[in-house]
Amino acid sequence: MSIRNILFATAFALASLGATRADGLRPVEAKSIDLGEVSGVAYYTVERDGFHVVTTLAQGEAGTPIRVVSVLAPGQRVVLSTANHASRLEISRQGDSVLVRKDNEALD
């Protein structure tokens, strides 16, 4: 099974745990990420020290996946982008909500 298929299977399995909200995520709910040639999934868990956002990305089917864990307090964000900034994604925490915005929806 290819890495891309594993990522999509994981995204589908996690997404089936809860209903999707248009503007945000629920804990342990997966969100597919597409940054052009780099794609993957992101989800978060609620911990004592903040919301742990786990993002797994890979380039193509043969690319080695990388995992990035960010701990967000209210008002904080993490931005993922390609090297040439052609595609960007912002994951932010607003109170008790985690929002995902792609490209120029919320980025300047």
PDB file of N, CA and C in Angstrom:
ATOM      1  N   MET A   1       0.849  -1.173   0.000  1.00  0.00           N
ATOM      2  CA  MET A   1       0.000   0.000   0.000  1.00  0.00           C
ATOM      3  C   MET A   1       0.896   1.237   0.000  1.00  0.00           C
ATOM      4  N   SER A   2       0.581   2.206  -0.857  1.00  0.00           N
ATOM      5  CA  SER A   2       1.413   3.398  -0.965  1.00  0.00           C
ATOM      6  C   SER A   2       1.194   4.333   0.228  1.00  0.00           C
ATOM      7  N   ILE A   3       2.141   5.242   0.439  1.00  0.00           N
ATOM      8  CA  ILE A   3       2.048   6.206   1.542  1.00  0.00           C
ATOM      9  C   ILE A   3       0.809   7.067   1.372  1.00  0.00           C
ATOM     10  N   ARG A   4       0.546   7.507   0.147  1.00  0.00           N
ATOM     11  CA  ARG A   4      -0.632   8.341  -0.110  1.00  0.00           C
ATOM     12  C   ARG A   4      -1.917   7.586   0.267  1.00  0.00           C
ATOM     13  N   ASN A   5      -2.004   6.315  -0.096  1.00  0.00           N
ATOM     14  CA  ASN A   5      -3.190   5.524   0.257  1.00  0.00           C
ATOM     15  C   ASN A   5      -3.329   5.373   1.762  1.00  0.00           C
ATOM     16  N   ILE A   6      -2.213   5.204   2.452  1.00  0.00           N
ATOM     17  CA  ILE A   6      -2.255   5.103   3.912  1.00  0.00           C
ATOM     18  C   ILE A   6      -2.750   6.406   4.521  1.00  0.00           C
ATOM     19  N   LEU A   7      -2.233   7.540   4.011  1.00  0.00           N
ATOM     20  CA  LEU A   7      -2.673   8.841   4.521  1.00  0.00           C
ATOM     21  C   LEU A   7      -4.163   9.055   4.297  1.00  0.00           C
ATOM     22  N   PHE A   8      -4.643   8.721   3.102  1.00  0.00           N
ATOM     23  CA  PHE A   8      -6.067   8.899   2.833  1.00  0.00           C
ATOM     24  C   PHE A   8      -6.929   7.949   3.655  1.00  0.00           C
ATOM     25  N   ALA A   9      -6.466   6.731   3.862  1.00  0.00           N
ATOM     26  CA  ALA A   9      -7.217   5.789   4.703  1.00  0.00           C
ATOM     27  C   ALA A   9      -7.284   6.295   6.137  1.00  0.00           C
ATOM     28  N   THR A  10      -6.164   6.845   6.634  1.00  0.00           N
ATOM     29  CA  THR A  10      -6.151   7.412   7.982  1.00  0.00           C
ATOM     30  C   THR A  10      -7.090   8.595   8.076  1.00  0.00           C
ATOM     31  N   ALA A  11      -7.070   9.459   7.072  1.00  0.00           N
ATOM     32  CA  ALA A  11      -7.955  10.627   7.067  1.00  0.00           C
ATOM     33  C   ALA A  11      -9.415  10.193   7.090  1.00  0.00           C
ATOM     34  N   PHE A  12      -9.754   9.197   6.275  1.00  0.00           N
ATOM     35  CA  PHE A  12     -11.135   8.724   6.232  1.00  0.00           C
ATOM     36  C   PHE A  12     -11.552   8.115   7.567  1.00  0.00           C
ATOM     37  N   ALA A  13     -10.682   7.315   8.164  1.00  0.00           N
ATOM     38  CA  ALA A  13     -10.999   6.680   9.442  1.00  0.00           C
ATOM     39  C   ALA A  13     -11.213   7.710  10.538  1.00  0.00           C
ATOM     40  N   LEU A  14     -10.324   8.698  10.611  1.00  0.00           N
ATOM     41  CA  LEU A  14     -10.463   9.731  11.640  1.00  0.00           C
ATOM     42  C   LEU A  14     -11.653  10.634  11.370  1.00  0.00           C
ATOM     43  N   ALA A  15     -11.915  10.945  10.103  1.00  0.00           N
ATOM     44  CA  ALA A  15     -13.039  11.814   9.771  1.00  0.00           C
ATOM     45  C   ALA A  15     -14.378  11.161  10.118  1.00  0.00           C
ATOM     46  N   SER A  16     -14.428   9.853  10.098  1.00  0.00           N
ATOM     47  CA  SER A  16     -15.685   9.163  10.412  1.00  0.00           C
ATOM     48  C   SER A  16     -16.021   9.206  11.896  1.00  0.00           C
ATOM     49  N   LEU A  17     -15.085   9.669  12.724  1.00  0.00           N
ATOM     50  CA  LEU A  17     -15.352   9.752  14.160  1.00  0.00           C
ATOM     51  C   LEU A  17     -16.267  10.915  14.534  1.00  0.00           C
ATOM     52  N   GLY A  18     -16.402  11.905  13.691  1.00  0.00           N
ATOM     53  CA  GLY A  18     -17.232  13.060  14.017  1.00  0.00           C
ATOM     54  C   GLY A  18     -17.672  13.778  12.773  1.00  0.00           C
ATOM     55  N   ALA A  19     -18.700  14.619  12.915  1.00  0.00           N
ATOM     56  CA  ALA A  19     -19.219  15.369  11.784  1.00  0.00           C
ATOM     57  C   ALA A  19     -18.297  16.547  11.474  1.00  0.00           C
ATOM     58  N   THR A  20     -18.187  16.858  10.198  1.00  0.00           N
ATOM     59  CA  THR A  20     -17.338  17.959   9.776  1.00  0.00           C
ATOM     60  C   THR A  20     -18.075  19.281   9.942  1.00  0.00           C
ATOM     61  N   ARG A  21     -17.359  20.276  10.498  1.00  0.00           N
ATOM     62  CA  ARG A  21     -17.883  21.634  10.546  1.00  0.00           C
ATOM     63  C   ARG A  21     -17.199  22.419   9.451  1.00  0.00           C
ATOM     64  N   ALA A  22     -17.933  23.329   8.828  1.00  0.00           N
ATOM     65  CA  ALA A  22     -17.403  24.061   7.681  1.00  0.00           C
ATOM     66  C   ALA A  22     -16.181  24.883   8.043  1.00  0.00           C
ATOM     67  N   ASP A  23     -16.133  25.457   9.225  1.00  0.00           N
ATOM     68  CA  ASP A  23     -15.051  26.380   9.546  1.00  0.00           C
ATOM     69  C   ASP A  23     -14.044  25.832  10.533  1.00  0.00           C
ATOM     70  N   GLY A  24     -14.194  24.622  10.988  1.00  0.00           N
ATOM     71  CA  GLY A  24     -13.246  24.137  11.979  1.00  0.00           C
ATOM     72  C   GLY A  24     -13.229  22.634  12.121  1.00  0.00           C
ATOM     73  N   LEU A  25     -12.452  22.217  13.087  1.00  0.00           N
ATOM     74  CA  LEU A  25     -12.300  20.795  13.389  1.00  0.00           C
ATOM     75  C   LEU A  25     -12.811  20.502  14.780  1.00  0.00           C
ATOM     76  N   ARG A  26     -13.116  19.263  15.018  1.00  0.00           N
ATOM     77  CA  ARG A  26     -13.393  18.773  16.359  1.00  0.00           C
ATOM     78  C   ARG A  26     -12.207  17.919  16.770  1.00  0.00           C
ATOM     79  N   PRO A  27     -11.999  17.730  18.064  1.00  0.00           N
ATOM     80  CA  PRO A  27     -10.854  16.903  18.488  1.00  0.00           C
ATOM     81  C   PRO A  27     -10.853  15.530  17.802  1.00  0.00           C
ATOM     82  N   VAL A  28      -9.707  15.100  17.344  1.00  0.00           N
ATOM     83  CA  VAL A  28      -9.424  13.826  16.691  1.00  0.00           C
ATOM     84  C   VAL A  28     -10.164  13.679  15.359  1.00  0.00           C
ATOM     85  N   GLU A  29     -10.604  14.785  14.781  1.00  0.00           N
ATOM     86  CA  GLU A  29     -11.252  14.770  13.469  1.00  0.00           C
ATOM     87  C   GLU A  29     -10.225  15.153  12.421  1.00  0.00           C
ATOM     88  N   ALA A  30     -10.023  14.314  11.443  1.00  0.00           N
ATOM     89  CA  ALA A  30      -8.986  14.562  10.437  1.00  0.00           C
ATOM     90  C   ALA A  30      -9.452  15.547   9.381  1.00  0.00           C
ATOM     91  N   LYS A  31      -8.511  16.321   8.905  1.00  0.00           N
ATOM     92  CA  LYS A  31      -8.743  17.263   7.808  1.00  0.00           C
ATOM     93  C   LYS A  31      -7.690  16.996   6.751  1.00  0.00           C
ATOM     94  N   SER A  32      -8.105  16.747   5.513  1.00  0.00           N
ATOM     95  CA  SER A  32      -7.156  16.541   4.420  1.00  0.00           C
ATOM     96  C   SER A  32      -6.475  17.853   4.087  1.00  0.00           C
ATOM     97  N   ILE A  33      -5.185  17.763   3.776  1.00  0.00           N
ATOM     98  CA  ILE A  33      -4.384  18.929   3.427  1.00  0.00           C
ATOM     99  C   ILE A  33      -3.821  18.709   2.040  1.00  0.00           C
ATOM    100  N   ASP A  34      -3.937  19.719   1.186  1.00  0.00           N
ATOM    101  CA  ASP A  34      -3.381  19.650  -0.159  1.00  0.00           C
ATOM    102  C   ASP A  34      -2.597  20.928  -0.421  1.00  0.00           C
ATOM    103  N   LEU A  35      -1.281  20.803  -0.505  1.00  0.00           N
ATOM    104  CA  LEU A  35      -0.410  21.930  -0.815  1.00  0.00           C
ATOM    105  C   LEU A  35       0.277  21.694  -2.160  1.00  0.00           C
ATOM    106  N   GLY A  36      -0.496  21.290  -3.140  1.00  0.00           N
ATOM    107  CA  GLY A  36       0.074  20.989  -4.455  1.00  0.00           C
ATOM    108  C   GLY A  36       0.689  19.607  -4.472  1.00  0.00           C
ATOM    109  N   GLU A  37       2.022  19.541  -4.597  1.00  0.00           N
ATOM    110  CA  GLU A  37       2.701  18.250  -4.636  1.00  0.00           C
ATOM    111  C   GLU A  37       2.832  17.622  -3.258  1.00  0.00           C
ATOM    112  N   VAL A  38       2.563  18.377  -2.205  1.00  0.00           N
ATOM    113  CA  VAL A  38       2.634  17.886  -0.830  1.00  0.00           C
ATOM    114  C   VAL A  38       1.215  17.790  -0.295  1.00  0.00           C
ATOM    115  N   SER A  39       0.886  16.637   0.283  1.00  0.00           N
ATOM    116  CA  SER A  39      -0.457  16.473   0.839  1.00  0.00           C
ATOM    117  C   SER A  39      -0.397  15.600   2.083  1.00  0.00           C
ATOM    118  N   GLY A  40      -1.497  15.561   2.811  1.00  0.00           N
ATOM    119  CA  GLY A  40      -1.550  14.762   4.028  1.00  0.00           C
ATOM    120  C   GLY A  40      -2.807  15.031   4.823  1.00  0.00           C
ATOM    121  N   VAL A  41      -2.699  14.886   6.139  1.00  0.00           N
ATOM    122  CA  VAL A  41      -3.833  15.086   7.039  1.00  0.00           C
ATOM    123  C   VAL A  41      -3.376  15.831   8.293  1.00  0.00           C
ATOM    124  N   ALA A  42      -4.354  16.463   8.958  1.00  0.00           N
ATOM    125  CA  ALA A  42      -4.099  17.128  10.237  1.00  0.00           C
ATOM    126  C   ALA A  42      -5.265  16.828  11.170  1.00  0.00           C
ATOM    127  N   TYR A  43      -4.971  16.714  12.453  1.00  0.00           N
ATOM    128  CA  TYR A  43      -5.994  16.561  13.481  1.00  0.00           C
ATOM    129  C   TYR A  43      -5.425  17.135  14.765  1.00  0.00           C
ATOM    130  N   TYR A  44      -6.263  17.281  15.793  1.00  0.00           N
ATOM    131  CA  TYR A  44      -5.737  17.763  17.069  1.00  0.00           C
ATOM    132  C   TYR A  44      -6.361  17.011  18.236  1.00  0.00           C
ATOM    133  N   THR A  45      -5.639  17.051  19.353  1.00  0.00           N
ATOM    134  CA  THR A  45      -6.132  16.494  20.603  1.00  0.00           C
ATOM    135  C   THR A  45      -6.036  17.579  21.669  1.00  0.00           C
ATOM    136  N   VAL A  46      -6.893  17.491  22.658  1.00  0.00           N
ATOM    137  CA  VAL A  46      -6.896  18.464  23.750  1.00  0.00           C
ATOM    138  C   VAL A  46      -6.047  17.900  24.887  1.00  0.00           C
ATOM    139  N   GLU A  47      -4.995  18.631  25.247  1.00  0.00           N
ATOM    140  CA  GLU A  47      -4.091  18.233  26.321  1.00  0.00           C
ATOM    141  C   GLU A  47      -4.027  19.357  27.351  1.00  0.00           C
ATOM    142  N   ARG A  48      -3.426  19.098  28.497  1.00  0.00           N
ATOM    143  CA  ARG A  48      -3.321  20.116  29.553  1.00  0.00           C
ATOM    144  C   ARG A  48      -2.577  21.368  29.114  1.00  0.00           C
ATOM    145  N   ASP A  49      -1.520  21.183  28.308  1.00  0.00           N
ATOM    146  CA  ASP A  49      -0.694  22.325  27.918  1.00  0.00           C
ATOM    147  C   ASP A  49      -1.153  23.028  26.645  1.00  0.00           C
ATOM    148  N   GLY A  50      -2.262  22.617  26.072  1.00  0.00           N
ATOM    149  CA  GLY A  50      -2.803  23.246  24.864  1.00  0.00           C
ATOM    150  C   GLY A  50      -3.368  22.211  23.911  1.00  0.00           C
ATOM    151  N   PHE A  51      -3.755  22.675  22.750  1.00  0.00           N
ATOM    152  CA  PHE A  51      -4.261  21.784  21.710  1.00  0.00           C
ATOM    153  C   PHE A  51      -3.069  21.295  20.897  1.00  0.00           C
ATOM    154  N   HIS A  52      -2.873  19.977  20.843  1.00  0.00           N
ATOM    155  CA  HIS A  52      -1.776  19.384  20.082  1.00  0.00           C
ATOM    156  C   HIS A  52      -2.270  19.108  18.664  1.00  0.00           C
ATOM    157  N   VAL A  53      -1.788  19.895  17.707  1.00  0.00           N
ATOM    158  CA  VAL A  53      -2.142  19.738  16.302  1.00  0.00           C
ATOM    159  C   VAL A  53      -1.089  18.845  15.655  1.00  0.00           C
ATOM    160  N   VAL A  54      -1.524  17.727  15.107  1.00  0.00           N
ATOM    161  CA  VAL A  54      -0.626  16.759  14.478  1.00  0.00           C
ATOM    162  C   VAL A  54      -0.865  16.808  12.972  1.00  0.00           C
ATOM    163  N   THR A  55       0.186  17.130  12.228  1.00  0.00           N
ATOM    164  CA  THR A  55       0.104  17.232  10.776  1.00  0.00           C
ATOM    165  C   THR A  55       1.091  16.242  10.170  1.00  0.00           C
ATOM    166  N   THR A  56       0.599  15.383   9.277  1.00  0.00           N
ATOM    167  CA  THR A  56       1.454  14.421   8.577  1.00  0.00           C
ATOM    168  C   THR A  56       1.387  14.745   7.087  1.00  0.00           C
ATOM    169  N   LEU A  57       2.548  14.988   6.491  1.00  0.00           N
ATOM    170  CA  LEU A  57       2.629  15.385   5.086  1.00  0.00           C
ATOM    171  C   LEU A  57       3.628  14.508   4.337  1.00  0.00           C
ATOM    172  N   ALA A  58       3.390  14.332   3.029  1.00  0.00           N
ATOM    173  CA  ALA A  58       4.335  13.613   2.167  1.00  0.00           C
ATOM    174  C   ALA A  58       4.239  14.180   0.764  1.00  0.00           C
ATOM    175  N   GLN A  59       5.329  14.087   0.030  1.00  0.00           N
ATOM    176  CA  GLN A  59       5.348  14.541  -1.356  1.00  0.00           C
ATOM    177  C   GLN A  59       5.189  13.333  -2.262  1.00  0.00           C
ATOM    178  N   GLY A  60       4.082  13.274  -2.961  1.00  0.00           N
ATOM    179  CA  GLY A  60       3.812  12.163  -3.873  1.00  0.00           C
ATOM    180  C   GLY A  60       3.669  10.843  -3.133  1.00  0.00           C
ATOM    181  N   GLU A  61       3.598   9.780  -3.896  1.00  0.00           N
ATOM    182  CA  GLU A  61       3.426   8.457  -3.299  1.00  0.00           C
ATOM    183  C   GLU A  61       4.725   7.896  -2.730  1.00  0.00           C
ATOM    184  N   ALA A  62       5.863   8.321  -3.263  1.00  0.00           N
ATOM    185  CA  ALA A  62       7.135   7.772  -2.821  1.00  0.00           C
ATOM    186  C   ALA A  62       7.827   8.639  -1.784  1.00  0.00           C
ATOM    187  N   GLY A  63       7.277   9.814  -1.497  1.00  0.00           N
ATOM    188  CA  GLY A  63       7.920  10.722  -0.549  1.00  0.00           C
ATOM    189  C   GLY A  63       7.880  10.198   0.872  1.00  0.00           C
ATOM    190  N   THR A  64       8.917  10.506   1.617  1.00  0.00           N
ATOM    191  CA  THR A  64       8.962  10.116   3.023  1.00  0.00           C
ATOM    192  C   THR A  64       8.038  11.026   3.813  1.00  0.00           C
ATOM    193  N   PRO A  65       7.079  10.472   4.541  1.00  0.00           N
ATOM    194  CA  PRO A  65       6.171  11.326   5.307  1.00  0.00           C
ATOM    195  C   PRO A  65       6.891  11.986   6.484  1.00  0.00           C
ATOM    196  N   ILE A  66       6.472  13.212   6.773  1.00  0.00           N
ATOM    197  CA  ILE A  66       6.976  13.892   7.960  1.00  0.00           C
ATOM    198  C   ILE A  66       5.789  14.237   8.845  1.00  0.00           C
ATOM    199  N   ARG A  67       6.059  14.262  10.128  1.00  0.00           N
ATOM    200  CA  ARG A  67       5.017  14.557  11.105  1.00  0.00           C
ATOM    201  C   ARG A  67       5.453  15.795  11.885  1.00  0.00           C
ATOM    202  N   VAL A  68       4.551  16.777  11.957  1.00  0.00           N
ATOM    203  CA  VAL A  68       4.806  18.005  12.688  1.00  0.00           C
ATOM    204  C   VAL A  68       3.755  18.117  13.782  1.00  0.00           C
ATOM    205  N   VAL A  69       4.206  18.306  15.033  1.00  0.00           N
ATOM    206  CA  VAL A  69       3.281  18.481  16.151  1.00  0.00           C
ATOM    207  C   VAL A  69       3.438  19.904  16.670  1.00  0.00           C
ATOM    208  N   SER A  70       2.346  20.642  16.693  1.00  0.00           N
ATOM    209  CA  SER A  70       2.336  22.016  17.191  1.00  0.00           C
ATOM    210  C   SER A  70       1.388  22.078  18.376  1.00  0.00           C
ATOM    211  N   VAL A  71       1.800  22.777  19.427  1.00  0.00           N
ATOM    212  CA  VAL A  71       0.943  22.964  20.596  1.00  0.00           C
ATOM    213  C   VAL A  71       0.426  24.400  20.542  1.00  0.00           C
ATOM    214  N   LEU A  72      -0.898  24.557  20.406  1.00  0.00           N
ATOM    215  CA  LEU A  72      -1.490  25.878  20.254  1.00  0.00           C
ATOM    216  C   LEU A  72      -2.277  26.295  21.493  1.00  0.00           C
ATOM    217  N   ALA A  73      -1.975  27.484  21.987  1.00  0.00           N
ATOM    218  CA  ALA A  73      -2.768  28.140  23.026  1.00  0.00           C
ATOM    219  C   ALA A  73      -3.784  29.027  22.302  1.00  0.00           C
ATOM    220  N   PRO A  74      -4.814  29.534  22.991  1.00  0.00           N
ATOM    221  CA  PRO A  74      -5.779  30.413  22.326  1.00  0.00           C
ATOM    222  C   PRO A  74      -5.083  31.588  21.630  1.00  0.00           C
ATOM    223  N   GLY A  75      -5.483  31.847  20.386  1.00  0.00           N
ATOM    224  CA  GLY A  75      -4.927  32.948  19.615  1.00  0.00           C
ATOM    225  C   GLY A  75      -3.683  32.607  18.815  1.00  0.00           C
ATOM    226  N   GLN A  76      -3.133  31.428  18.976  1.00  0.00           N
ATOM    227  CA  GLN A  76      -1.931  31.048  18.237  1.00  0.00           C
ATOM    228  C   GLN A  76      -2.294  30.341  16.939  1.00  0.00           C
ATOM    229  N   ARG A  77      -1.323  30.313  16.011  1.00  0.00           N
ATOM    230  CA  ARG A  77      -1.531  29.654  14.723  1.00  0.00           C
ATOM    231  C   ARG A  77      -0.224  29.038  14.244  1.00  0.00           C
ATOM    232  N   VAL A  78      -0.360  28.115  13.305  1.00  0.00           N
ATOM    233  CA  VAL A  78       0.783  27.549  12.602  1.00  0.00           C
ATOM    234  C   VAL A  78       0.458  27.643  11.112  1.00  0.00           C
ATOM    235  N   VAL A  79       1.447  28.045  10.323  1.00  0.00           N
ATOM    236  CA  VAL A  79       1.260  28.182   8.883  1.00  0.00           C
ATOM    237  C   VAL A  79       2.157  27.170   8.184  1.00  0.00           C
ATOM    238  N   LEU A  80       1.570  26.402   7.273  1.00  0.00           N
ATOM    239  CA  LEU A  80       2.305  25.442   6.458  1.00  0.00           C
ATOM    240  C   LEU A  80       2.298  25.970   5.034  1.00  0.00           C
ATOM    241  N   SER A  81       3.450  25.939   4.377  1.00  0.00           N
ATOM    242  CA  SER A  81       3.501  26.431   3.004  1.00  0.00           C
ATOM    243  C   SER A  81       4.560  25.685   2.222  1.00  0.00           C
ATOM    244  N   THR A  82       4.433  25.752   0.904  1.00  0.00           N
ATOM    245  CA  THR A  82       5.462  25.204   0.037  1.00  0.00           C
ATOM    246  C   THR A  82       6.601  26.215  -0.041  1.00  0.00           C
ATOM    247  N   ALA A  83       7.737  25.793  -0.563  1.00  0.00           N
ATOM    248  CA  ALA A  83       8.925  26.643  -0.590  1.00  0.00           C
ATOM    249  C   ALA A  83       8.700  27.955  -1.335  1.00  0.00           C
ATOM    250  N   ASN A  84       7.922  27.932  -2.386  1.00  0.00           N
ATOM    251  CA  ASN A  84       7.687  29.150  -3.164  1.00  0.00           C
ATOM    252  C   ASN A  84       6.406  29.878  -2.734  1.00  0.00           C
ATOM    253  N   HIS A  85       5.814  29.460  -1.638  1.00  0.00           N
ATOM    254  CA  HIS A  85       4.584  30.050  -1.091  1.00  0.00           C
ATOM    255  C   HIS A  85       3.417  30.012  -2.076  1.00  0.00           C
ATOM    256  N   ALA A  86       3.478  29.108  -3.053  1.00  0.00           N
ATOM    257  CA  ALA A  86       2.396  28.999  -4.021  1.00  0.00           C
ATOM    258  C   ALA A  86       1.123  28.487  -3.358  1.00  0.00           C
ATOM    259  N   SER A  87       1.272  27.703  -2.315  1.00  0.00           N
ATOM    260  CA  SER A  87       0.128  27.155  -1.607  1.00  0.00           C
ATOM    261  C   SER A  87       0.414  27.216  -0.116  1.00  0.00           C
ATOM    262  N   ARG A  88      -0.514  27.802   0.643  1.00  0.00           N
ATOM    263  CA  ARG A  88      -0.324  27.950   2.090  1.00  0.00           C
ATOM    264  C   ARG A  88      -1.584  27.511   2.828  1.00  0.00           C
ATOM    265  N   LEU A  89      -1.380  27.088   4.064  1.00  0.00           N
ATOM    266  CA  LEU A  89      -2.469  26.633   4.916  1.00  0.00           C
ATOM    267  C   LEU A  89      -2.223  27.143   6.326  1.00  0.00           C
ATOM    268  N   GLU A  90      -3.240  27.706   6.948  1.00  0.00           N
ATOM    269  CA  GLU A  90      -3.134  28.183   8.323  1.00  0.00           C
ATOM    270  C   GLU A  90      -4.038  27.337   9.215  1.00  0.00           C
ATOM    271  N   ILE A  91      -3.474  26.864  10.325  1.00  0.00           N
ATOM    272  CA  ILE A  91      -4.252  26.165  11.350  1.00  0.00           C
ATOM    273  C   ILE A  91      -4.154  27.047  12.587  1.00  0.00           C
ATOM    274  N   SER A  92      -5.309  27.514  13.080  1.00  0.00           N
ATOM    275  CA  SER A  92      -5.295  28.451  14.203  1.00  0.00           C
ATOM    276  C   SER A  92      -6.267  28.008  15.278  1.00  0.00           C
ATOM    277  N   ARG A  93      -5.973  28.460  16.496  1.00  0.00           N
ATOM    278  CA  ARG A  93      -6.857  28.186  17.630  1.00  0.00           C
ATOM    279  C   ARG A  93      -7.522  29.492  18.041  1.00  0.00           C
ATOM    280  N   GLN A  94      -8.830  29.490  18.019  1.00  0.00           N
ATOM    281  CA  GLN A  94      -9.638  30.625  18.459  1.00  0.00           C
ATOM    282  C   GLN A  94     -10.496  30.141  19.618  1.00  0.00           C
ATOM    283  N   GLY A  95     -10.071  30.432  20.843  1.00  0.00           N
ATOM    284  CA  GLY A  95     -10.779  29.926  22.016  1.00  0.00           C
ATOM    285  C   GLY A  95     -10.682  28.424  22.080  1.00  0.00           C
ATOM    286  N   ASP A  96     -11.839  27.761  22.036  1.00  0.00           N
ATOM    287  CA  ASP A  96     -11.883  26.297  22.070  1.00  0.00           C
ATOM    288  C   ASP A  96     -12.091  25.687  20.685  1.00  0.00           C
ATOM    289  N   SER A  97     -11.874  26.466  19.641  1.00  0.00           N
ATOM    290  CA  SER A  97     -12.055  25.986  18.270  1.00  0.00           C
ATOM    291  C   SER A  97     -10.733  25.987  17.527  1.00  0.00           C
ATOM    292  N   VAL A  98     -10.580  25.036  16.605  1.00  0.00           N
ATOM    293  CA  VAL A  98      -9.434  24.998  15.711  1.00  0.00           C
ATOM    294  C   VAL A  98      -9.971  25.217  14.303  1.00  0.00           C
ATOM    295  N   LEU A  99      -9.411  26.230  13.629  1.00  0.00           N
ATOM    296  CA  LEU A  99      -9.854  26.589  12.285  1.00  0.00           C
ATOM    297  C   LEU A  99      -8.761  26.278  11.284  1.00  0.00           C
ATOM    298  N   VAL A 100      -9.162  25.856  10.087  1.00  0.00           N
ATOM    299  CA  VAL A 100      -8.229  25.566   9.008  1.00  0.00           C
ATOM    300  C   VAL A 100      -8.623  26.434   7.824  1.00  0.00           C
ATOM    301  N   ARG A 101      -7.654  27.239   7.360  1.00  0.00           N
ATOM    302  CA  ARG A 101      -7.902  28.113   6.207  1.00  0.00           C
ATOM    303  C   ARG A 101      -6.803  27.892   5.182  1.00  0.00           C
ATOM    304  N   LYS A 102      -7.197  27.763   3.915  1.00  0.00           N
ATOM    305  CA  LYS A 102      -6.230  27.507   2.858  1.00  0.00           C
ATOM    306  C   LYS A 102      -5.981  28.762   2.031  1.00  0.00           C
ATOM    307  N   ASP A 103      -4.764  28.856   1.506  1.00  0.00           N
ATOM    308  CA  ASP A 103      -4.319  29.914   0.611  1.00  0.00           C
ATOM    309  C   ASP A 103      -4.532  31.283   1.213  1.00  0.00           C
ATOM    310  N   ASN A 104      -5.190  32.188   0.508  1.00  0.00           N
ATOM    311  CA  ASN A 104      -5.279  33.568   0.956  1.00  0.00           C
ATOM    312  C   ASN A 104      -6.557  33.897   1.710  1.00  0.00           C
ATOM    313  N   GLU A 105      -7.292  32.889   2.181  1.00  0.00           N
ATOM    314  CA  GLU A 105      -8.525  33.157   2.915  1.00  0.00           C
ATOM    315  C   GLU A 105      -8.266  33.975   4.177  1.00  0.00           C
ATOM    316  N   ALA A 106      -7.190  33.681   4.891  1.00  0.00           N
ATOM    317  CA  ALA A 106      -6.908  34.388   6.141  1.00  0.00           C
ATOM    318  C   ALA A 106      -5.466  34.829   6.255  1.00  0.00           C
ATOM    319  N   LEU A 107      -4.689  34.633   5.211  1.00  0.00           N
ATOM    320  CA  LEU A 107      -3.267  34.932   5.275  1.00  0.00           C
ATOM    321  C   LEU A 107      -2.959  36.191   4.493  1.00  0.00           C
ATOM    322  N   ASP A 108      -2.020  36.959   4.998  1.00  0.00           N
ATOM    323  CA  ASP A 108      -1.622  38.147   4.250  1.00  0.00           C
ATOM    324  C   ASP A 108      -0.174  38.082   3.862  1.00  0.00           C
TER     325      ASP A 108
END
